[in-house]
Amino acid sequence: MKRLAVIAAVLDNAEASQHEFNDIVSNYKGIVKGRMGIPFTEEGISIITLVVLGTLDQINTLTGTLGKIKDVHVKTSFSKKEIN
């Protein structure tokens, strides 16, 4: 069963972490359904939200992998509804 989720990420040092972040997200392009990024250029911070549709394992693996990047903070909210 699949779930819909929103992953929110704060990149505290966007210049240093954005390339690795984007590479990881591109590896999960099969479950990423939408993406929005807001750069705070003067502060050197980026806020990125991802809308994903996948299994709990897929979403948790993506979230965990992103959270291992230095200066990246990630939170995920899941829909309770299961989707076939």
N, C-alpha and C. Protein backbone atom coordinates (compact mmCIF):
# COMPACT_ATOMS: atom_id res chain seq x y z
N MET A 1 0.84 -1.19 0.00
CA MET A 1 0.00 0.00 0.00
C MET A 1 0.88 1.25 0.00
N LYS A 2 0.38 2.27 -0.62
CA LYS A 2 1.12 3.53 -0.71
C LYS A 2 0.46 4.59 0.17
N ARG A 3 1.24 5.59 0.48
CA ARG A 3 0.75 6.73 1.24
C ARG A 3 1.20 8.01 0.55
N LEU A 4 0.41 9.03 0.75
CA LEU A 4 0.76 10.37 0.29
C LEU A 4 1.42 11.07 1.46
N ALA A 5 2.49 11.80 1.21
CA ALA A 5 3.19 12.50 2.28
C ALA A 5 3.80 13.80 1.77
N VAL A 6 4.08 14.67 2.72
CA VAL A 6 4.77 15.93 2.43
C VAL A 6 6.07 15.91 3.23
N ILE A 7 7.16 16.13 2.54
CA ILE A 7 8.46 16.21 3.19
C ILE A 7 8.90 17.67 3.17
N ALA A 8 9.17 18.23 4.33
CA ALA A 8 9.64 19.60 4.44
C ALA A 8 11.11 19.56 4.83
N ALA A 9 11.93 20.30 4.11
CA ALA A 9 13.37 20.32 4.38
C ALA A 9 13.86 21.76 4.49
N VAL A 10 14.70 22.00 5.49
CA VAL A 10 15.37 23.28 5.66
C VAL A 10 16.85 23.04 5.42
N LEU A 11 17.39 23.73 4.44
CA LEU A 11 18.82 23.63 4.13
C LEU A 11 19.48 24.87 4.73
N ASP A 12 20.12 24.70 5.90
CA ASP A 12 20.72 25.84 6.60
C ASP A 12 21.93 26.40 5.88
N ASN A 13 22.59 25.58 5.08
CA ASN A 13 23.71 26.03 4.28
C ASN A 13 23.45 25.56 2.85
N ALA A 14 22.55 26.25 2.20
CA ALA A 14 22.03 25.80 0.90
C ALA A 14 23.13 25.63 -0.14
N GLU A 15 24.07 26.53 -0.16
CA GLU A 15 25.12 26.46 -1.17
C GLU A 15 25.92 25.16 -1.05
N ALA A 16 26.16 24.72 0.17
CA ALA A 16 26.97 23.52 0.39
C ALA A 16 26.18 22.23 0.24
N SER A 17 24.88 22.26 0.52
CA SER A 17 24.11 21.01 0.57
C SER A 17 23.14 20.80 -0.58
N GLN A 18 22.86 21.83 -1.36
CA GLN A 18 21.81 21.73 -2.37
C GLN A 18 22.13 20.70 -3.45
N HIS A 19 23.38 20.60 -3.87
CA HIS A 19 23.72 19.66 -4.94
C HIS A 19 23.47 18.22 -4.49
N GLU A 20 23.92 17.87 -3.28
CA GLU A 20 23.70 16.52 -2.77
C GLU A 20 22.20 16.25 -2.56
N PHE A 21 21.48 17.25 -2.04
CA PHE A 21 20.04 17.14 -1.84
C PHE A 21 19.35 16.83 -3.17
N ASN A 22 19.67 17.60 -4.21
CA ASN A 22 19.03 17.41 -5.52
C ASN A 22 19.36 16.04 -6.12
N ASP A 23 20.61 15.59 -5.94
CA ASP A 23 20.99 14.27 -6.45
C ASP A 23 20.16 13.16 -5.80
N ILE A 24 19.97 13.26 -4.50
CA ILE A 24 19.19 12.24 -3.78
C ILE A 24 17.73 12.28 -4.24
N VAL A 25 17.15 13.47 -4.33
CA VAL A 25 15.76 13.59 -4.76
C VAL A 25 15.58 13.02 -6.17
N SER A 26 16.54 13.26 -7.05
CA SER A 26 16.42 12.75 -8.42
C SER A 26 16.44 11.22 -8.44
N ASN A 27 17.10 10.59 -7.46
CA ASN A 27 17.09 9.13 -7.38
C ASN A 27 15.72 8.58 -6.99
N TYR A 28 14.87 9.44 -6.45
CA TYR A 28 13.52 9.04 -6.02
C TYR A 28 12.44 9.66 -6.91
N LYS A 29 12.79 10.00 -8.14
CA LYS A 29 11.85 10.68 -9.02
C LYS A 29 10.57 9.88 -9.26
N GLY A 30 10.61 8.58 -9.07
CA GLY A 30 9.43 7.75 -9.25
C GLY A 30 8.34 7.99 -8.22
N ILE A 31 8.71 8.49 -7.04
CA ILE A 31 7.70 8.74 -6.00
C ILE A 31 7.46 10.23 -5.77
N VAL A 32 8.33 11.09 -6.29
CA VAL A 32 8.16 12.54 -6.09
C VAL A 32 7.14 13.05 -7.11
N LYS A 33 6.04 13.61 -6.58
CA LYS A 33 4.96 14.09 -7.45
C LYS A 33 4.95 15.61 -7.58
N GLY A 34 5.62 16.30 -6.65
CA GLY A 34 5.68 17.75 -6.73
C GLY A 34 6.80 18.28 -5.85
N ARG A 35 7.28 19.45 -6.20
CA ARG A 35 8.39 20.04 -5.46
C ARG A 35 8.25 21.56 -5.50
N MET A 36 8.51 22.18 -4.35
CA MET A 36 8.52 23.64 -4.29
C MET A 36 9.72 24.07 -3.47
N GLY A 37 10.45 25.01 -3.96
CA GLY A 37 11.60 25.52 -3.23
C GLY A 37 11.53 27.03 -3.08
N ILE A 38 11.90 27.51 -1.92
CA ILE A 38 11.94 28.94 -1.66
C ILE A 38 13.33 29.28 -1.15
N PRO A 39 14.12 30.00 -1.96
CA PRO A 39 15.46 30.37 -1.51
C PRO A 39 15.43 31.67 -0.70
N PHE A 40 16.16 31.68 0.36
CA PHE A 40 16.42 32.89 1.14
C PHE A 40 17.90 33.20 0.91
N THR A 41 18.17 33.81 -0.24
CA THR A 41 19.53 33.98 -0.73
C THR A 41 20.42 34.75 0.24
N GLU A 42 19.94 35.85 0.76
CA GLU A 42 20.76 36.66 1.67
C GLU A 42 21.13 35.89 2.93
N GLU A 43 20.24 35.01 3.39
CA GLU A 43 20.48 34.24 4.59
C GLU A 43 21.24 32.94 4.32
N GLY A 44 21.32 32.54 3.04
CA GLY A 44 21.99 31.30 2.68
C GLY A 44 21.18 30.06 3.00
N ILE A 45 19.87 30.22 3.13
CA ILE A 45 18.98 29.13 3.52
C ILE A 45 17.98 28.86 2.39
N SER A 46 17.61 27.60 2.23
CA SER A 46 16.55 27.23 1.29
C SER A 46 15.53 26.36 2.02
N ILE A 47 14.27 26.56 1.69
CA ILE A 47 13.18 25.74 2.19
C ILE A 47 12.65 24.96 0.99
N ILE A 48 12.58 23.64 1.13
CA ILE A 48 12.10 22.80 0.03
C ILE A 48 11.02 21.87 0.55
N THR A 49 9.91 21.79 -0.18
CA THR A 49 8.86 20.83 0.15
C THR A 49 8.71 19.85 -1.01
N LEU A 50 8.52 18.60 -0.65
CA LEU A 50 8.30 17.55 -1.64
C LEU A 50 6.97 16.87 -1.34
N VAL A 51 6.17 16.65 -2.36
CA VAL A 51 4.96 15.84 -2.23
C VAL A 51 5.31 14.49 -2.84
N VAL A 52 5.14 13.43 -2.05
CA VAL A 52 5.54 12.10 -2.50
C VAL A 52 4.39 11.11 -2.35
N LEU A 53 4.39 10.12 -3.21
CA LEU A 53 3.43 9.02 -3.16
C LEU A 53 4.22 7.73 -3.28
N GLY A 54 4.30 6.99 -2.18
CA GLY A 54 5.08 5.76 -2.19
C GLY A 54 4.78 4.92 -0.97
N THR A 55 5.49 3.82 -0.86
CA THR A 55 5.33 2.98 0.32
C THR A 55 5.98 3.68 1.52
N LEU A 56 5.61 3.23 2.71
CA LEU A 56 6.22 3.80 3.91
C LEU A 56 7.74 3.62 3.88
N ASP A 57 8.19 2.46 3.43
CA ASP A 57 9.63 2.22 3.35
C ASP A 57 10.33 3.19 2.40
N GLN A 58 9.74 3.42 1.23
CA GLN A 58 10.33 4.34 0.26
C GLN A 58 10.42 5.75 0.83
N ILE A 59 9.34 6.21 1.42
CA ILE A 59 9.29 7.58 1.94
C ILE A 59 10.24 7.73 3.13
N ASN A 60 10.24 6.75 4.02
CA ASN A 60 11.14 6.82 5.17
C ASN A 60 12.61 6.75 4.76
N THR A 61 12.91 5.96 3.75
CA THR A 61 14.29 5.88 3.25
C THR A 61 14.72 7.22 2.65
N LEU A 62 13.85 7.82 1.86
CA LEU A 62 14.15 9.14 1.29
C LEU A 62 14.36 10.17 2.40
N THR A 63 13.44 10.22 3.35
CA THR A 63 13.54 11.18 4.44
C THR A 63 14.83 10.96 5.24
N GLY A 64 15.13 9.71 5.55
CA GLY A 64 16.34 9.42 6.31
C GLY A 64 17.61 9.79 5.58
N THR A 65 17.64 9.52 4.28
CA THR A 65 18.81 9.84 3.47
C THR A 65 19.02 11.36 3.40
N LEU A 66 17.93 12.10 3.20
CA LEU A 66 18.04 13.56 3.16
C LEU A 66 18.49 14.11 4.51
N GLY A 67 17.98 13.52 5.58
CA GLY A 67 18.31 13.99 6.92
C GLY A 67 19.76 13.76 7.32
N LYS A 68 20.47 12.89 6.60
CA LYS A 68 21.88 12.63 6.88
C LYS A 68 22.81 13.68 6.28
N ILE A 69 22.27 14.52 5.40
CA ILE A 69 23.09 15.57 4.79
C ILE A 69 23.38 16.63 5.85
N LYS A 70 24.63 17.06 5.92
CA LYS A 70 25.02 18.09 6.89
C LYS A 70 24.20 19.36 6.68
N ASP A 71 23.70 19.92 7.76
CA ASP A 71 22.93 21.17 7.77
C ASP A 71 21.58 21.08 7.06
N VAL A 72 21.05 19.86 6.91
CA VAL A 72 19.71 19.68 6.34
C VAL A 72 18.82 19.08 7.43
N HIS A 73 17.66 19.71 7.65
CA HIS A 73 16.71 19.28 8.67
C HIS A 73 15.41 18.92 7.98
N VAL A 74 14.89 17.71 8.27
CA VAL A 74 13.76 17.17 7.51
C VAL A 74 12.66 16.69 8.45
N LYS A 75 11.41 16.97 8.06
CA LYS A 75 10.23 16.46 8.75
C LYS A 75 9.26 15.95 7.69
N THR A 76 8.51 14.92 8.05
CA THR A 76 7.56 14.33 7.11
C THR A 76 6.19 14.21 7.75
N SER A 77 5.16 14.54 6.99
CA SER A 77 3.77 14.35 7.42
C SER A 77 3.10 13.39 6.43
N PHE A 78 2.49 12.35 7.00
CA PHE A 78 1.85 11.31 6.18
C PHE A 78 0.33 11.45 6.22
N SER A 79 -0.31 11.12 5.10
CA SER A 79 -1.74 10.94 5.07
C SER A 79 -2.05 9.61 5.77
N LYS A 80 -3.14 9.54 6.47
CA LYS A 80 -3.53 8.28 7.10
C LYS A 80 -4.18 7.32 6.10
N LYS A 81 -4.63 7.85 4.99
CA LYS A 81 -5.32 7.04 3.97
C LYS A 81 -4.31 6.24 3.17
N GLU A 82 -4.58 4.92 3.02
CA GLU A 82 -3.74 4.08 2.19
C GLU A 82 -4.28 4.09 0.75
N ILE A 83 -3.38 4.09 -0.20
CA ILE A 83 -3.75 4.17 -1.61
C ILE A 83 -3.21 2.93 -2.31
N ASN A 84 -4.04 2.33 -3.16
CA ASN A 84 -3.61 1.14 -3.92
C ASN A 84 -2.70 1.53 -5.06
